[in-house]
N, C-alpha and C. Protein backbone atom coordinates (compact mmCIF):
# COMPACT_ATOMS: atom_id res chain seq x y z
N UNK A 1 49.14 -64.03 -37.22
CA UNK A 1 49.81 -62.92 -36.72
C UNK A 1 48.50 -61.83 -36.54
N UNK A 2 47.55 -62.28 -36.45
CA UNK A 2 46.57 -61.38 -36.47
C UNK A 2 46.12 -61.53 -35.25
N UNK A 3 45.97 -62.52 -34.43
CA UNK A 3 46.00 -62.96 -33.21
C UNK A 3 46.45 -62.43 -31.95
N UNK A 4 47.64 -62.16 -32.57
CA UNK A 4 49.13 -61.92 -31.86
C UNK A 4 49.13 -60.44 -31.63
N UNK A 5 49.04 -59.71 -32.96
CA UNK A 5 49.11 -58.20 -33.10
C UNK A 5 48.04 -57.77 -33.36
N UNK A 6 47.29 -56.42 -32.86
CA UNK A 6 46.37 -55.86 -33.19
C UNK A 6 46.86 -54.31 -33.72
N UNK A 7 46.73 -54.27 -35.33
CA UNK A 7 47.37 -53.04 -36.28
C UNK A 7 46.17 -51.98 -36.42
N UNK A 8 46.44 -50.83 -36.16
CA UNK A 8 45.64 -49.91 -36.36
C UNK A 8 46.17 -48.18 -36.86
N UNK A 9 45.33 -48.16 -37.81
CA UNK A 9 46.05 -46.87 -38.59
C UNK A 9 45.27 -45.59 -38.57
N UNK A 10 46.04 -44.29 -37.94
CA UNK A 10 45.19 -43.28 -37.77
C UNK A 10 46.03 -42.01 -38.58
N UNK A 11 45.51 -40.85 -38.79
CA UNK A 11 46.55 -39.76 -39.17
C UNK A 11 47.29 -39.17 -38.47
N UNK A 12 48.43 -38.71 -38.92
CA UNK A 12 49.95 -38.60 -38.68
C UNK A 12 49.51 -36.88 -37.95
N UNK A 13 50.33 -36.68 -36.78
CA UNK A 13 49.91 -35.55 -36.05
C UNK A 13 51.44 -34.71 -36.57
N UNK A 14 51.22 -33.32 -36.71
CA UNK A 14 52.22 -32.11 -36.61
C UNK A 14 52.38 -31.55 -37.83
N UNK A 15 53.80 -31.53 -38.21
CA UNK A 15 53.73 -30.60 -39.58
C UNK A 15 53.89 -31.66 -40.94
N UNK A 16 53.58 -31.09 -42.01
CA UNK A 16 53.65 -32.37 -43.27
C UNK A 16 52.16 -31.93 -44.29
N UNK A 17 51.61 -31.09 -43.67
CA UNK A 17 50.82 -30.74 -44.69
C UNK A 17 49.22 -31.41 -44.99
N UNK A 18 48.96 -31.49 -46.35
CA UNK A 18 47.47 -31.82 -46.62
C UNK A 18 47.53 -32.94 -46.22
N UNK A 19 48.60 -34.38 -47.09
CA UNK A 19 48.95 -35.86 -47.25
C UNK A 19 49.00 -36.33 -45.47
N UNK A 20 49.78 -35.54 -44.98
CA UNK A 20 49.74 -35.92 -43.50
C UNK A 20 48.47 -35.74 -42.56
N UNK A 21 47.85 -34.83 -43.07
CA UNK A 21 46.36 -34.53 -42.31
C UNK A 21 45.52 -35.53 -42.89
N UNK A 22 45.26 -35.90 -44.32
CA UNK A 22 44.10 -36.63 -44.87
C UNK A 22 44.45 -38.14 -45.02
N UNK A 23 45.49 -38.82 -44.99
CA UNK A 23 45.77 -40.27 -44.99
C UNK A 23 46.45 -40.99 -43.87
N UNK A 24 45.85 -41.93 -43.69
CA UNK A 24 46.19 -42.49 -42.58
C UNK A 24 47.36 -43.39 -42.32
N UNK A 25 48.45 -42.62 -42.62
CA UNK A 25 49.80 -43.52 -42.88
C UNK A 25 50.84 -43.69 -41.11
N UNK A 26 50.24 -43.27 -40.05
CA UNK A 26 50.71 -43.66 -38.78
C UNK A 26 50.21 -45.01 -38.05
N UNK A 27 50.88 -45.59 -38.07
CA UNK A 27 50.34 -47.01 -37.28
C UNK A 27 50.81 -47.45 -36.18
N UNK A 28 49.64 -47.80 -35.50
CA UNK A 28 50.04 -48.36 -34.49
C UNK A 28 49.74 -50.04 -34.02
N UNK A 29 50.95 -50.58 -33.65
CA UNK A 29 50.95 -51.97 -33.70
C UNK A 29 51.22 -52.21 -32.25
N UNK A 30 49.93 -53.42 -31.55
CA UNK A 30 50.12 -53.68 -30.11
C UNK A 30 50.14 -55.22 -30.14
N UNK A 31 51.33 -55.85 -28.84
CA UNK A 31 51.50 -57.02 -29.31
C UNK A 31 50.32 -57.79 -27.94
N UNK A 32 49.23 -58.14 -28.47
CA UNK A 32 48.44 -58.69 -27.17
C UNK A 32 48.81 -59.40 -26.10
N UNK A 33 49.80 -60.51 -26.08
CA UNK A 33 49.83 -61.31 -25.08
C UNK A 33 50.67 -60.00 -23.79
N UNK A 34 51.86 -59.06 -24.62
CA UNK A 34 52.61 -58.48 -23.54
C UNK A 34 51.88 -57.42 -23.16
N UNK A 35 50.96 -56.63 -24.12
CA UNK A 35 50.53 -55.58 -23.79
C UNK A 35 51.42 -54.34 -24.54
N UNK A 36 52.21 -54.57 -25.19
CA UNK A 36 53.56 -53.49 -25.84
C UNK A 36 52.66 -52.97 -26.96
N UNK A 37 53.44 -51.79 -27.11
CA UNK A 37 52.36 -50.99 -28.43
C UNK A 37 53.89 -50.72 -29.03
N UNK A 38 53.88 -50.30 -30.03
CA UNK A 38 54.62 -49.41 -31.12
C UNK A 38 54.05 -48.32 -31.62
N UNK A 39 54.07 -47.08 -31.43
CA UNK A 39 53.44 -45.99 -32.77
C UNK A 39 54.73 -45.77 -33.78
N UNK A 40 54.23 -45.33 -35.19
CA UNK A 40 55.70 -44.97 -35.91
C UNK A 40 54.74 -44.22 -37.27
N UNK A 41 55.53 -43.02 -37.07
CA UNK A 41 54.66 -41.93 -38.09
C UNK A 41 55.94 -41.58 -38.94
N UNK A 42 57.11 -41.73 -39.03
CA UNK A 42 58.38 -41.30 -39.49
C UNK A 42 58.16 -41.11 -41.04
N UNK A 43 57.50 -42.21 -41.88
CA UNK A 43 57.71 -41.62 -43.24
C UNK A 43 56.14 -41.52 -43.39
N UNK A 44 56.19 -41.30 -45.12
CA UNK A 44 54.83 -41.23 -45.82
C UNK A 44 54.56 -42.22 -46.00
N UNK A 45 54.71 -43.20 -45.78
CA UNK A 45 54.33 -44.76 -46.56
C UNK A 45 53.41 -45.36 -45.66
N UNK A 46 52.32 -45.85 -45.46
CA UNK A 46 51.81 -46.81 -44.79
C UNK A 46 52.10 -47.79 -44.33
N UNK A 47 53.21 -48.64 -45.45
CA UNK A 47 53.47 -49.85 -45.68
C UNK A 47 54.75 -49.81 -44.50
N UNK A 48 55.55 -48.66 -45.20
CA UNK A 48 56.89 -48.52 -44.72
C UNK A 48 56.66 -48.14 -43.09
N UNK A 49 55.56 -47.35 -42.39
CA UNK A 49 55.81 -47.19 -41.30
C UNK A 49 55.36 -48.52 -40.50
N UNK A 50 54.48 -49.38 -41.23
CA UNK A 50 53.93 -50.73 -40.61
C UNK A 50 55.22 -51.48 -40.67
N UNK A 51 55.95 -51.73 -41.12
CA UNK A 51 57.26 -52.29 -41.29
C UNK A 51 58.35 -52.03 -40.02
N UNK A 52 58.00 -50.17 -40.15
CA UNK A 52 59.04 -49.99 -38.99
C UNK A 52 58.79 -49.94 -37.64
N UNK A 53 57.46 -50.12 -37.34
CA UNK A 53 56.76 -50.10 -36.14
C UNK A 53 56.95 -51.62 -35.80
N UNK A 54 56.92 -52.72 -36.62
CA UNK A 54 57.01 -54.30 -36.51
C UNK A 54 58.64 -54.33 -36.00
N UNK A 55 59.21 -54.11 -36.70
CA UNK A 55 60.31 -54.29 -36.12
C UNK A 55 60.94 -53.92 -34.92
N UNK A 56 60.65 -52.49 -34.69
CA UNK A 56 60.57 -52.13 -33.27
C UNK A 56 60.11 -52.83 -32.09
N UNK A 57 58.89 -53.11 -32.50
CA UNK A 57 58.09 -53.79 -31.36
C UNK A 57 58.65 -55.39 -31.29
N UNK A 58 59.24 -56.03 -32.76
CA UNK A 58 59.71 -57.46 -32.29
C UNK A 58 60.80 -57.04 -31.62
N UNK A 59 62.01 -56.02 -31.96
CA UNK A 59 63.21 -55.73 -31.16
C UNK A 59 62.89 -55.69 -29.59
N UNK A 60 61.93 -54.94 -29.01
CA UNK A 60 61.27 -54.83 -28.18
C UNK A 60 61.18 -55.91 -26.98
N UNK A 61 60.38 -56.65 -28.04
CA UNK A 61 59.86 -58.05 -27.24
C UNK A 61 61.15 -58.87 -27.09
N UNK A 62 61.72 -58.97 -28.13
CA UNK A 62 63.16 -60.13 -27.92
C UNK A 62 64.09 -59.62 -26.89
N UNK A 63 64.16 -58.39 -26.55
CA UNK A 63 64.90 -57.67 -25.62
C UNK A 63 64.07 -57.98 -24.22
N UNK A 64 62.91 -57.94 -23.85
CA UNK A 64 62.38 -57.94 -22.47
C UNK A 64 62.75 -59.75 -22.37
N UNK A 65 62.59 -60.63 -23.55
CA UNK A 65 62.39 -62.17 -23.39
C UNK A 65 63.80 -62.94 -22.80
N UNK A 66 64.83 -61.71 -23.52
CA UNK A 66 66.28 -61.65 -22.98
C UNK A 66 66.47 -61.59 -21.47
N UNK A 67 65.73 -60.51 -21.19
CA UNK A 67 66.08 -59.82 -19.73
C UNK A 67 65.31 -61.05 -19.17
N UNK A 68 64.14 -61.56 -19.25
CA UNK A 68 63.22 -62.43 -18.33
C UNK A 68 64.24 -63.73 -18.31
N UNK A 69 64.96 -64.13 -19.33
CA UNK A 69 65.76 -65.73 -19.29
C UNK A 69 67.02 -65.27 -18.14
N UNK A 70 67.57 -64.19 -18.26
CA UNK A 70 68.67 -63.71 -17.46
C UNK A 70 68.46 -63.43 -16.03
N UNK A 71 67.20 -63.03 -15.80
CA UNK A 71 66.45 -62.89 -14.35
C UNK A 71 66.34 -64.28 -14.01
N UNK A 72 65.60 -64.96 -14.62
CA UNK A 72 65.39 -66.48 -14.36
C UNK A 72 66.77 -67.38 -13.99
N UNK A 73 67.73 -67.08 -14.62
CA UNK A 73 68.79 -67.96 -14.64
C UNK A 73 69.57 -67.20 -13.52
N UNK A 74 69.57 -65.93 -13.29
CA UNK A 74 70.13 -65.20 -12.17
C UNK A 74 69.52 -65.55 -10.83
N UNK A 75 68.03 -65.21 -10.96
CA UNK A 75 67.53 -66.36 -9.56
C UNK A 75 67.62 -67.61 -9.41
N UNK A 76 68.26 -68.54 -10.51
CA UNK A 76 68.08 -70.05 -10.19
C UNK A 76 69.55 -70.22 -9.28
N UNK A 77 70.58 -69.22 -9.98
CA UNK A 77 71.91 -69.14 -9.34
C UNK A 77 71.71 -68.67 -7.74
N UNK A 78 71.26 -67.74 -7.85
CA UNK A 78 71.01 -67.29 -6.38
C UNK A 78 70.42 -68.32 -5.22
N UNK A 79 69.46 -68.96 -5.59
CA UNK A 79 68.77 -70.28 -4.88
C UNK A 79 69.80 -71.33 -4.80
N UNK A 80 70.45 -71.51 -5.86
CA UNK A 80 71.70 -72.63 -5.45
C UNK A 80 72.77 -72.16 -4.59
N UNK A 81 73.01 -71.01 -4.54
CA UNK A 81 73.85 -70.56 -3.54
C UNK A 81 73.77 -70.58 -2.01
N UNK A 82 72.47 -70.08 -2.02
CA UNK A 82 71.67 -70.02 -0.73
C UNK A 82 71.02 -71.36 -0.22
N UNK A 83 71.17 -72.63 -0.96
CA UNK A 83 70.65 -74.03 -0.87
C UNK A 83 72.25 -74.63 -0.14
N UNK A 84 73.27 -73.99 -0.82
CA UNK A 84 74.64 -74.56 -0.08
C UNK A 84 74.88 -74.35 1.51
N UNK A 85 74.78 -75.11 2.08
CA UNK A 85 75.30 -75.01 3.21
C UNK A 85 76.60 -74.86 3.86
N UNK A 86 77.37 -73.85 4.63
CA UNK A 86 78.54 -73.68 5.09
C UNK A 86 79.00 -74.60 6.41
N UNK A 87 79.71 -75.79 6.30
CA UNK A 87 80.40 -76.20 7.90
C UNK A 87 80.89 -75.38 8.26
N UNK A 88 82.22 -75.13 7.96
CA UNK A 88 83.11 -74.29 8.68
C UNK A 88 83.41 -73.29 7.59
N UNK A 89 83.90 -72.19 8.43
CA UNK A 89 84.74 -71.09 7.97
C UNK A 89 86.05 -71.10 9.17
N UNK A 90 87.19 -71.13 7.81
CA UNK A 90 88.32 -71.08 8.43
C UNK A 90 89.39 -69.52 8.20
N UNK A 91 89.44 -68.78 9.06
CA UNK A 91 89.71 -67.31 9.06
C UNK A 91 90.88 -67.10 9.59
N UNK A 92 91.78 -67.30 8.41
CA UNK A 92 93.34 -67.15 9.03
C UNK A 92 94.02 -65.54 9.27
N UNK A 93 93.32 -64.65 8.94
CA UNK A 93 93.81 -63.61 9.59
C UNK A 93 93.41 -63.56 10.76
N UNK A 94 92.25 -63.78 11.58
CA UNK A 94 91.99 -64.10 12.91
C UNK A 94 92.06 -64.84 13.34
N UNK A 95 93.16 -66.19 13.28
CA UNK A 95 93.48 -67.15 13.52
C UNK A 95 91.81 -67.58 14.19
N UNK A 96 90.97 -67.84 13.67
CA UNK A 96 89.92 -68.72 13.93
C UNK A 96 89.18 -69.40 12.85
N UNK A 97 88.43 -70.74 13.85
CA UNK A 97 87.72 -71.26 12.95
C UNK A 97 86.52 -70.96 13.49
N UNK A 98 85.09 -71.04 12.88
CA UNK A 98 83.72 -71.08 13.19
C UNK A 98 83.35 -72.34 12.74
N UNK A 99 82.53 -73.12 13.49
CA UNK A 99 81.46 -74.08 13.20
C UNK A 99 80.11 -73.64 12.99
N UNK A 100 79.66 -73.82 11.67
CA UNK A 100 78.48 -73.09 11.65
C UNK A 100 77.13 -73.76 12.40
N UNK A 101 77.44 -75.28 12.30
CA UNK A 101 76.29 -75.76 12.99
C UNK A 101 76.02 -76.04 14.00
N UNK A 102 77.61 -75.89 15.24
CA UNK A 102 77.26 -75.78 16.37
C UNK A 102 77.46 -74.44 16.83
N UNK A 103 77.57 -73.30 15.68
CA UNK A 103 77.85 -71.86 16.22
C UNK A 103 79.14 -71.49 17.22
N UNK A 104 80.16 -72.74 17.21
CA UNK A 104 81.20 -72.45 18.23
C UNK A 104 82.47 -72.20 17.41
N UNK A 105 83.41 -71.49 18.01
CA UNK A 105 84.45 -70.90 17.59
C UNK A 105 85.78 -71.35 18.26
N UNK A 106 86.60 -71.68 17.38
CA UNK A 106 87.99 -72.13 17.79
C UNK A 106 89.18 -71.70 17.64
N UNK A 107 90.46 -71.62 18.10
CA UNK A 107 91.67 -71.32 17.42
C UNK A 107 92.01 -72.01 16.66
N UNK A 108 92.30 -71.43 15.41
CA UNK A 108 92.61 -71.94 13.82
C UNK A 108 94.19 -72.74 13.91
N UNK A 109 94.92 -72.75 14.82
CA UNK A 109 96.13 -73.63 14.86
C UNK A 109 95.76 -74.78 16.04
N UNK A 110 94.78 -74.94 16.55
CA UNK A 110 94.06 -75.90 17.54
C UNK A 110 93.70 -76.98 16.71
N UNK A 111 93.16 -76.54 15.95
CA UNK A 111 91.98 -77.04 14.89
C UNK A 111 92.47 -77.88 13.81
N UNK A 112 93.65 -77.08 13.51
CA UNK A 112 94.53 -77.69 12.53
C UNK A 112 95.65 -78.71 12.90
N UNK A 113 95.99 -78.87 14.38
CA UNK A 113 96.73 -79.68 14.70
C UNK A 113 96.00 -81.05 14.64
N UNK A 114 94.50 -81.06 14.68
CA UNK A 114 93.65 -82.27 15.17
C UNK A 114 92.77 -82.37 15.74
N UNK A 115 92.73 -81.12 16.47
CA UNK A 115 91.86 -81.01 17.95
C UNK A 115 90.61 -80.30 17.37
N UNK A 116 89.59 -81.19 16.90
CA UNK A 116 88.35 -81.02 16.21
C UNK A 116 87.61 -80.70 17.59
N UNK A 117 87.84 -81.71 18.64
CA UNK A 117 87.03 -81.42 19.77
C UNK A 117 86.41 -80.04 20.42
N UNK A 118 87.28 -79.06 20.08
CA UNK A 118 87.02 -77.55 20.23
C UNK A 118 85.83 -77.22 19.80
N UNK A 119 85.09 -78.12 18.51
CA UNK A 119 84.25 -77.12 18.17
C UNK A 119 83.03 -78.05 18.06
N UNK A 120 82.87 -78.88 18.87
CA UNK A 120 81.44 -79.77 19.35
C UNK A 120 81.05 -79.18 20.43
């Protein structure tokens, strides 16, 4: 844990009187691999602030992992979709067939009757 996180303690800021100004209860935890850091000075207890900061930081790291996994999955799906080659498009409203290999267009009814020579 020492190699993954860098934990530093500082004095808190803001109102709170002598205890807050003299005791190092503010915790800053940095996750070294990601560079994320979390600061907590919510309570008067050093240990409680450390636990809160660690919980928040772990939650943010987990959220980032989920986002990265979702992005990777999405990128894979997009690549798979792009890799699929469409041979023909049958457009019924326009009564048209487009052969994407040759770039030719033909009448849908004629092609459906078996006249595929129109697309060559």
